[in-house]
Amino acid sequence: MQERPDVYAGEGFGLSSMRQRAGASAGVADRQPAWGGHTRERAHCEASLVVAAVMKTKIRVVLADDHPVVRDGLAAMVNQQADMEVVAEASDGDEAIALYEQYRPDVLVLDLRMPKRDGVSVVQRVLELHPKAASSS
């Protein structure tokens, strides 16, 4: 019996970020055949401590959508990634702003149409309160 390939491998989830991280930390990513004819990504790094430190830091995500089924699906996809985690979920725009204040996530995933505030006004308010929120530093 052959093992099943990663469903998201062709869509840029997970493995592409490993390749990017290995390159950013002076490493080299290569593909080697794995059991069953599939490929396996392997990252070789000159400074293994740097890679270990990068891998321990997860990207923190807050999800905001008024539909619980959508939030559940997005949370499942995000939490499958080794380098990402959903830290909170909001059902409206005001709650999204409050959760941003509480958790200061790296990423906000916002629905454009939500009760109380839409996604655009959430971004505007967060940037009013935290002008550096849009920067990557």
N, C-alpha and C. Protein backbone atom coordinates (compact mmCIF):
# COMPACT_ATOMS: atom_id res chain seq x y z
N MET A 1 0.84 -1.19 0.00
CA MET A 1 0.00 0.00 0.00
C MET A 1 0.89 1.25 0.00
N GLN A 2 0.58 2.21 -0.86
CA GLN A 2 1.37 3.43 -0.94
C GLN A 2 0.78 4.49 -0.03
N GLU A 3 1.67 5.36 0.49
CA GLU A 3 1.15 6.42 1.34
C GLU A 3 0.52 7.51 0.50
N ARG A 4 -0.44 8.18 1.07
CA ARG A 4 -1.19 9.21 0.36
C ARG A 4 -0.39 10.51 0.32
N PRO A 5 -0.33 11.19 -0.84
CA PRO A 5 0.42 12.45 -0.89
C PRO A 5 -0.28 13.54 -0.10
N ASP A 6 0.49 14.54 0.31
CA ASP A 6 -0.05 15.69 1.04
C ASP A 6 -1.01 16.45 0.14
N VAL A 7 -2.25 16.63 0.60
CA VAL A 7 -3.29 17.24 -0.22
C VAL A 7 -2.95 18.68 -0.60
N TYR A 8 -2.23 19.39 0.26
CA TYR A 8 -1.93 20.79 0.01
C TYR A 8 -0.57 21.02 -0.63
N ALA A 9 0.20 19.98 -0.89
CA ALA A 9 1.56 20.15 -1.40
C ALA A 9 1.59 20.93 -2.70
N GLY A 10 0.64 20.72 -3.59
CA GLY A 10 0.62 21.41 -4.86
C GLY A 10 0.05 22.81 -4.79
N GLU A 11 -0.48 23.20 -3.62
CA GLU A 11 -1.13 24.50 -3.50
C GLU A 11 -0.29 25.52 -2.76
N GLY A 12 0.97 25.21 -2.43
CA GLY A 12 1.83 26.18 -1.79
C GLY A 12 1.72 26.23 -0.28
N PHE A 13 1.06 25.28 0.35
CA PHE A 13 0.96 25.27 1.79
C PHE A 13 2.14 24.48 2.36
N GLY A 14 2.72 24.95 3.42
CA GLY A 14 3.69 24.17 4.18
C GLY A 14 5.04 24.00 3.52
N LEU A 15 5.13 23.17 2.51
CA LEU A 15 6.42 22.82 1.95
C LEU A 15 7.11 23.99 1.28
N SER A 16 6.37 24.85 0.62
CA SER A 16 7.01 26.00 -0.01
C SER A 16 7.59 26.93 1.04
N SER A 17 6.93 27.06 2.20
CA SER A 17 7.48 27.92 3.23
C SER A 17 8.74 27.31 3.84
N MET A 18 8.81 25.99 3.90
CA MET A 18 10.04 25.33 4.36
C MET A 18 11.19 25.67 3.42
N ARG A 19 10.92 25.64 2.11
CA ARG A 19 11.94 25.96 1.12
C ARG A 19 12.39 27.40 1.30
N GLN A 20 11.44 28.30 1.52
CA GLN A 20 11.77 29.71 1.71
C GLN A 20 12.58 29.92 2.99
N ARG A 21 12.19 29.25 4.06
CA ARG A 21 12.90 29.40 5.33
C ARG A 21 14.32 28.87 5.23
N ALA A 22 14.48 27.73 4.57
CA ALA A 22 15.82 27.16 4.43
C ALA A 22 16.71 28.11 3.63
N GLY A 23 16.17 28.71 2.58
CA GLY A 23 16.94 29.65 1.78
C GLY A 23 17.28 30.91 2.56
N ALA A 24 16.35 31.38 3.37
CA ALA A 24 16.58 32.60 4.13
C ALA A 24 17.60 32.40 5.24
N SER A 25 17.77 31.18 5.69
CA SER A 25 18.72 30.94 6.77
C SER A 25 19.99 30.27 6.26
N ALA A 26 20.37 30.58 5.03
CA ALA A 26 21.61 30.11 4.41
C ALA A 26 21.62 28.61 4.21
N GLY A 27 20.46 28.01 4.06
CA GLY A 27 20.38 26.59 3.81
C GLY A 27 19.98 26.31 2.38
N VAL A 28 19.86 25.06 2.04
CA VAL A 28 19.46 24.65 0.71
C VAL A 28 18.33 23.67 0.85
N ALA A 29 17.28 23.84 0.07
CA ALA A 29 16.17 22.90 0.09
C ALA A 29 16.25 22.05 -1.18
N ASP A 30 16.07 20.77 -1.02
CA ASP A 30 16.07 19.92 -2.21
C ASP A 30 14.94 18.92 -2.11
N ARG A 31 14.63 18.28 -3.22
CA ARG A 31 13.57 17.29 -3.27
C ARG A 31 14.22 15.94 -3.50
N GLN A 32 13.82 14.97 -2.73
CA GLN A 32 14.33 13.63 -2.90
C GLN A 32 13.15 12.67 -2.96
N PRO A 33 13.25 11.64 -3.80
CA PRO A 33 12.16 10.67 -3.87
C PRO A 33 11.94 10.00 -2.52
N ALA A 34 10.70 9.86 -2.15
CA ALA A 34 10.34 9.18 -0.91
C ALA A 34 9.66 7.87 -1.25
N TRP A 35 9.34 7.12 -0.24
CA TRP A 35 8.67 5.84 -0.42
C TRP A 35 7.39 6.04 -1.20
N GLY A 36 7.08 5.18 -2.12
CA GLY A 36 5.84 5.23 -2.88
C GLY A 36 5.90 6.14 -4.09
N GLY A 37 7.07 6.65 -4.45
CA GLY A 37 7.20 7.47 -5.65
C GLY A 37 6.90 8.94 -5.44
N HIS A 38 6.48 9.34 -4.25
CA HIS A 38 6.21 10.74 -3.99
C HIS A 38 7.51 11.44 -3.64
N THR A 39 7.48 12.75 -3.56
CA THR A 39 8.69 13.47 -3.19
C THR A 39 8.58 13.97 -1.77
N ARG A 40 9.72 14.15 -1.16
CA ARG A 40 9.78 14.64 0.21
C ARG A 40 10.72 15.84 0.22
N GLU A 41 10.29 16.91 0.86
CA GLU A 41 11.15 18.08 0.96
C GLU A 41 12.10 17.87 2.12
N ARG A 42 13.36 18.19 1.89
CA ARG A 42 14.35 18.12 2.96
C ARG A 42 15.11 19.42 2.99
N ALA A 43 15.21 20.00 4.13
CA ALA A 43 15.95 21.25 4.25
C ALA A 43 17.29 20.96 4.92
N HIS A 44 18.36 21.36 4.27
CA HIS A 44 19.70 21.23 4.83
C HIS A 44 20.15 22.63 5.21
N CYS A 45 20.58 22.78 6.41
CA CYS A 45 20.93 24.12 6.87
C CYS A 45 22.31 24.12 7.50
N GLU A 46 23.10 25.15 7.18
CA GLU A 46 24.41 25.28 7.77
C GLU A 46 24.31 25.62 9.25
N ALA A 47 23.32 26.41 9.60
CA ALA A 47 23.14 26.81 11.00
C ALA A 47 21.85 26.21 11.51
N SER A 48 21.91 24.99 12.00
CA SER A 48 20.69 24.29 12.41
C SER A 48 20.00 24.97 13.58
N LEU A 49 20.73 25.69 14.41
CA LEU A 49 20.10 26.41 15.51
C LEU A 49 19.20 27.53 15.00
N VAL A 50 19.59 28.18 13.91
CA VAL A 50 18.78 29.25 13.34
C VAL A 50 17.46 28.68 12.84
N VAL A 51 17.53 27.56 12.11
CA VAL A 51 16.32 26.93 11.59
C VAL A 51 15.43 26.49 12.75
N ALA A 52 16.01 25.93 13.79
CA ALA A 52 15.22 25.49 14.94
C ALA A 52 14.50 26.67 15.57
N ALA A 53 15.19 27.80 15.70
CA ALA A 53 14.57 28.98 16.28
C ALA A 53 13.44 29.50 15.40
N VAL A 54 13.65 29.50 14.09
CA VAL A 54 12.61 29.95 13.16
C VAL A 54 11.40 29.04 13.24
N MET A 55 11.60 27.75 13.28
CA MET A 55 10.50 26.80 13.29
C MET A 55 9.70 26.85 14.59
N LYS A 56 10.31 27.28 15.70
CA LYS A 56 9.58 27.34 16.96
C LYS A 56 8.66 28.54 17.03
N THR A 57 8.92 29.57 16.26
CA THR A 57 8.09 30.75 16.25
C THR A 57 6.96 30.57 15.25
N LYS A 58 5.75 30.46 15.77
CA LYS A 58 4.60 30.25 14.89
C LYS A 58 3.98 31.59 14.51
N ILE A 59 3.42 31.63 13.31
CA ILE A 59 2.68 32.79 12.85
C ILE A 59 1.32 32.75 13.53
N ARG A 60 1.01 33.79 14.29
CA ARG A 60 -0.24 33.84 15.05
C ARG A 60 -1.32 34.50 14.20
N VAL A 61 -2.47 33.85 14.12
CA VAL A 61 -3.55 34.29 13.23
C VAL A 61 -4.83 34.50 14.03
N VAL A 62 -5.53 35.61 13.74
CA VAL A 62 -6.88 35.83 14.25
C VAL A 62 -7.81 35.76 13.04
N LEU A 63 -8.86 34.95 13.14
CA LEU A 63 -9.85 34.81 12.08
C LEU A 63 -11.11 35.58 12.47
N ALA A 64 -11.70 36.27 11.49
CA ALA A 64 -12.95 37.00 11.75
C ALA A 64 -13.92 36.75 10.59
N ASP A 65 -15.01 36.08 10.90
CA ASP A 65 -16.06 35.80 9.92
C ASP A 65 -17.34 35.53 10.70
N ASP A 66 -18.47 36.00 10.19
CA ASP A 66 -19.73 35.80 10.91
C ASP A 66 -20.33 34.41 10.70
N HIS A 67 -19.72 33.60 9.85
CA HIS A 67 -20.20 32.24 9.61
C HIS A 67 -19.29 31.23 10.31
N PRO A 68 -19.80 30.53 11.34
CA PRO A 68 -18.98 29.58 12.09
C PRO A 68 -18.36 28.48 11.21
N VAL A 69 -19.09 28.04 10.19
CA VAL A 69 -18.57 26.98 9.33
C VAL A 69 -17.33 27.46 8.57
N VAL A 70 -17.35 28.71 8.13
CA VAL A 70 -16.19 29.28 7.43
C VAL A 70 -15.02 29.39 8.40
N ARG A 71 -15.26 29.90 9.60
CA ARG A 71 -14.19 30.01 10.60
C ARG A 71 -13.60 28.64 10.92
N ASP A 72 -14.46 27.65 11.08
CA ASP A 72 -13.97 26.29 11.38
C ASP A 72 -13.09 25.76 10.26
N GLY A 73 -13.52 25.96 9.01
CA GLY A 73 -12.73 25.49 7.87
C GLY A 73 -11.39 26.19 7.76
N LEU A 74 -11.40 27.52 7.92
CA LEU A 74 -10.14 28.27 7.87
C LEU A 74 -9.23 27.88 9.02
N ALA A 75 -9.79 27.72 10.20
CA ALA A 75 -8.99 27.32 11.36
C ALA A 75 -8.35 25.95 11.14
N ALA A 76 -9.09 25.03 10.56
CA ALA A 76 -8.54 23.70 10.29
C ALA A 76 -7.37 23.78 9.31
N MET A 77 -7.50 24.59 8.26
CA MET A 77 -6.41 24.73 7.28
C MET A 77 -5.19 25.40 7.90
N VAL A 78 -5.41 26.47 8.66
CA VAL A 78 -4.28 27.18 9.27
C VAL A 78 -3.58 26.30 10.29
N ASN A 79 -4.34 25.64 11.14
CA ASN A 79 -3.75 24.82 12.20
C ASN A 79 -3.04 23.57 11.69
N GLN A 80 -3.29 23.19 10.43
CA GLN A 80 -2.55 22.07 9.84
C GLN A 80 -1.12 22.44 9.52
N GLN A 81 -0.84 23.72 9.43
CA GLN A 81 0.50 24.17 9.10
C GLN A 81 1.37 24.15 10.36
N ALA A 82 2.55 23.60 10.24
CA ALA A 82 3.44 23.49 11.39
C ALA A 82 3.89 24.85 11.90
N ASP A 83 3.91 25.86 11.04
CA ASP A 83 4.43 27.16 11.42
C ASP A 83 3.34 28.20 11.67
N MET A 84 2.08 27.78 11.79
CA MET A 84 0.97 28.71 12.00
C MET A 84 0.02 28.19 13.07
N GLU A 85 -0.66 29.13 13.74
CA GLU A 85 -1.69 28.74 14.70
C GLU A 85 -2.75 29.82 14.81
N VAL A 86 -4.00 29.41 14.92
CA VAL A 86 -5.10 30.34 15.16
C VAL A 86 -5.14 30.60 16.66
N VAL A 87 -5.00 31.87 17.03
CA VAL A 87 -5.00 32.22 18.45
C VAL A 87 -6.36 32.69 18.93
N ALA A 88 -7.22 33.13 17.98
CA ALA A 88 -8.56 33.59 18.36
C ALA A 88 -9.45 33.68 17.13
N GLU A 89 -10.76 33.65 17.39
CA GLU A 89 -11.76 33.75 16.32
C GLU A 89 -12.82 34.76 16.72
N ALA A 90 -13.21 35.61 15.77
CA ALA A 90 -14.23 36.63 16.01
C ALA A 90 -15.41 36.41 15.08
N SER A 91 -16.60 36.78 15.56
CA SER A 91 -17.80 36.63 14.73
C SER A 91 -18.30 37.97 14.18
N ASP A 92 -17.66 39.08 14.59
CA ASP A 92 -18.03 40.39 14.04
C ASP A 92 -16.81 41.32 14.08
N GLY A 93 -16.95 42.47 13.46
CA GLY A 93 -15.84 43.40 13.34
C GLY A 93 -15.35 43.98 14.66
N ASP A 94 -16.26 44.31 15.55
CA ASP A 94 -15.86 44.86 16.85
C ASP A 94 -15.07 43.83 17.65
N GLU A 95 -15.51 42.59 17.59
CA GLU A 95 -14.80 41.52 18.29
C GLU A 95 -13.41 41.31 17.68
N ALA A 96 -13.30 41.46 16.36
CA ALA A 96 -12.00 41.32 15.69
C ALA A 96 -11.02 42.37 16.19
N ILE A 97 -11.49 43.60 16.35
CA ILE A 97 -10.63 44.67 16.87
C ILE A 97 -10.20 44.37 18.30
N ALA A 98 -11.15 43.94 19.13
CA ALA A 98 -10.83 43.60 20.52
C ALA A 98 -9.82 42.46 20.60
N LEU A 99 -9.98 41.46 19.73
CA LEU A 99 -9.05 40.33 19.74
C LEU A 99 -7.68 40.73 19.21
N TYR A 100 -7.64 41.68 18.27
CA TYR A 100 -6.34 42.20 17.82
C TYR A 100 -5.64 42.87 18.99
N GLU A 101 -6.38 43.68 19.74
CA GLU A 101 -5.80 44.36 20.90
C GLU A 101 -5.27 43.35 21.93
N GLN A 102 -6.03 42.29 22.14
CA GLN A 102 -5.66 41.30 23.15
C GLN A 102 -4.47 40.44 22.73
N TYR A 103 -4.46 39.97 21.49
CA TYR A 103 -3.46 38.99 21.06
C TYR A 103 -2.33 39.56 20.20
N ARG A 104 -2.52 40.72 19.58
CA ARG A 104 -1.54 41.30 18.66
C ARG A 104 -1.00 40.24 17.70
N PRO A 105 -1.89 39.67 16.87
CA PRO A 105 -1.48 38.58 15.97
C PRO A 105 -0.59 39.10 14.84
N ASP A 106 0.06 38.16 14.16
CA ASP A 106 0.87 38.49 12.99
C ASP A 106 -0.03 38.70 11.78
N VAL A 107 -1.18 38.02 11.76
CA VAL A 107 -2.09 38.07 10.61
C VAL A 107 -3.53 38.16 11.09
N LEU A 108 -4.32 39.02 10.42
CA LEU A 108 -5.76 39.07 10.62
C LEU A 108 -6.40 38.59 9.32
N VAL A 109 -7.25 37.58 9.40
CA VAL A 109 -8.01 37.12 8.23
C VAL A 109 -9.44 37.60 8.45
N LEU A 110 -9.88 38.52 7.58
CA LEU A 110 -11.15 39.19 7.79
C LEU A 110 -12.14 38.95 6.66
N ASP A 111 -13.39 38.71 7.04
CA ASP A 111 -14.49 38.70 6.08
C ASP A 111 -14.79 40.16 5.74
N LEU A 112 -15.12 40.43 4.50
CA LEU A 112 -15.44 41.81 4.13
C LEU A 112 -16.80 42.24 4.67
N ARG A 113 -17.75 41.31 4.74
CA ARG A 113 -19.10 41.63 5.23
C ARG A 113 -19.36 40.92 6.54
N MET A 114 -19.37 41.70 7.62
CA MET A 114 -19.63 41.17 8.95
C MET A 114 -20.54 42.13 9.69
N PRO A 115 -21.22 41.65 10.73
CA PRO A 115 -22.04 42.55 11.55
C PRO A 115 -21.14 43.55 12.31
N LYS A 116 -21.74 44.66 12.68
CA LYS A 116 -21.13 45.74 13.47
C LYS A 116 -20.08 46.53 12.70
N ARG A 117 -19.08 45.88 12.13
CA ARG A 117 -18.06 46.53 11.29
C ARG A 117 -17.66 45.57 10.20
N ASP A 118 -17.46 46.10 9.00
CA ASP A 118 -16.98 45.24 7.92
C ASP A 118 -15.46 45.13 7.99
N GLY A 119 -14.89 44.25 7.19
CA GLY A 119 -13.45 44.00 7.21
C GLY A 119 -12.62 45.22 6.92
N VAL A 120 -13.08 46.07 6.00
CA VAL A 120 -12.33 47.27 5.64
C VAL A 120 -12.26 48.23 6.84
N SER A 121 -13.38 48.44 7.52
CA SER A 121 -13.36 49.36 8.67
C SER A 121 -12.56 48.77 9.84
N VAL A 122 -12.50 47.45 9.94
CA VAL A 122 -11.66 46.81 10.96
C VAL A 122 -10.19 47.16 10.69
N VAL A 123 -9.76 47.02 9.44
CA VAL A 123 -8.38 47.35 9.08
C VAL A 123 -8.10 48.82 9.36
N GLN A 124 -9.02 49.69 8.98
CA GLN A 124 -8.83 51.12 9.21
C GLN A 124 -8.67 51.42 10.70
N ARG A 125 -9.52 50.82 11.52
CA ARG A 125 -9.47 51.06 12.97
C ARG A 125 -8.18 50.52 13.58
N VAL A 126 -7.80 49.32 13.19
CA VAL A 126 -6.55 48.73 13.71
C VAL A 126 -5.36 49.62 13.35
N LEU A 127 -5.34 50.14 12.11
CA LEU A 127 -4.24 51.01 11.70
C LEU A 127 -4.27 52.36 12.41
N GLU A 128 -5.47 52.85 12.75
CA GLU A 128 -5.56 54.08 13.56
C GLU A 128 -4.95 53.86 14.94
N LEU A 129 -5.26 52.72 15.53
CA LEU A 129 -4.77 52.41 16.88
C LEU A 129 -3.31 51.99 16.88
N HIS A 130 -2.88 51.31 15.81
CA HIS A 130 -1.53 50.75 15.72
C HIS A 130 -0.96 50.98 14.32
N PRO A 131 -0.43 52.15 14.05
CA PRO A 131 0.06 52.46 12.71
C PRO A 131 1.13 51.49 12.18
N LYS A 132 1.89 50.89 13.08
CA LYS A 132 2.93 49.96 12.66
C LYS A 132 2.40 48.55 12.40
N ALA A 133 1.11 48.35 12.54
CA ALA A 133 0.52 47.02 12.33
C ALA A 133 0.70 46.55 10.89
N ALA A 134 0.80 47.46 9.95
CA ALA A 134 0.94 47.09 8.54
C ALA A 134 2.37 46.73 8.18
N SER A 135 3.33 47.04 9.03
CA SER A 135 4.73 46.74 8.71
C SER A 135 5.08 45.33 9.17
N SER A 136 6.11 44.79 8.58
CA SER A 136 6.51 43.41 8.92
C SER A 136 7.54 43.40 10.04
N SER A 137 7.91 44.53 10.58
CA SER A 137 8.91 44.54 11.64
C SER A 137 8.31 44.67 13.01
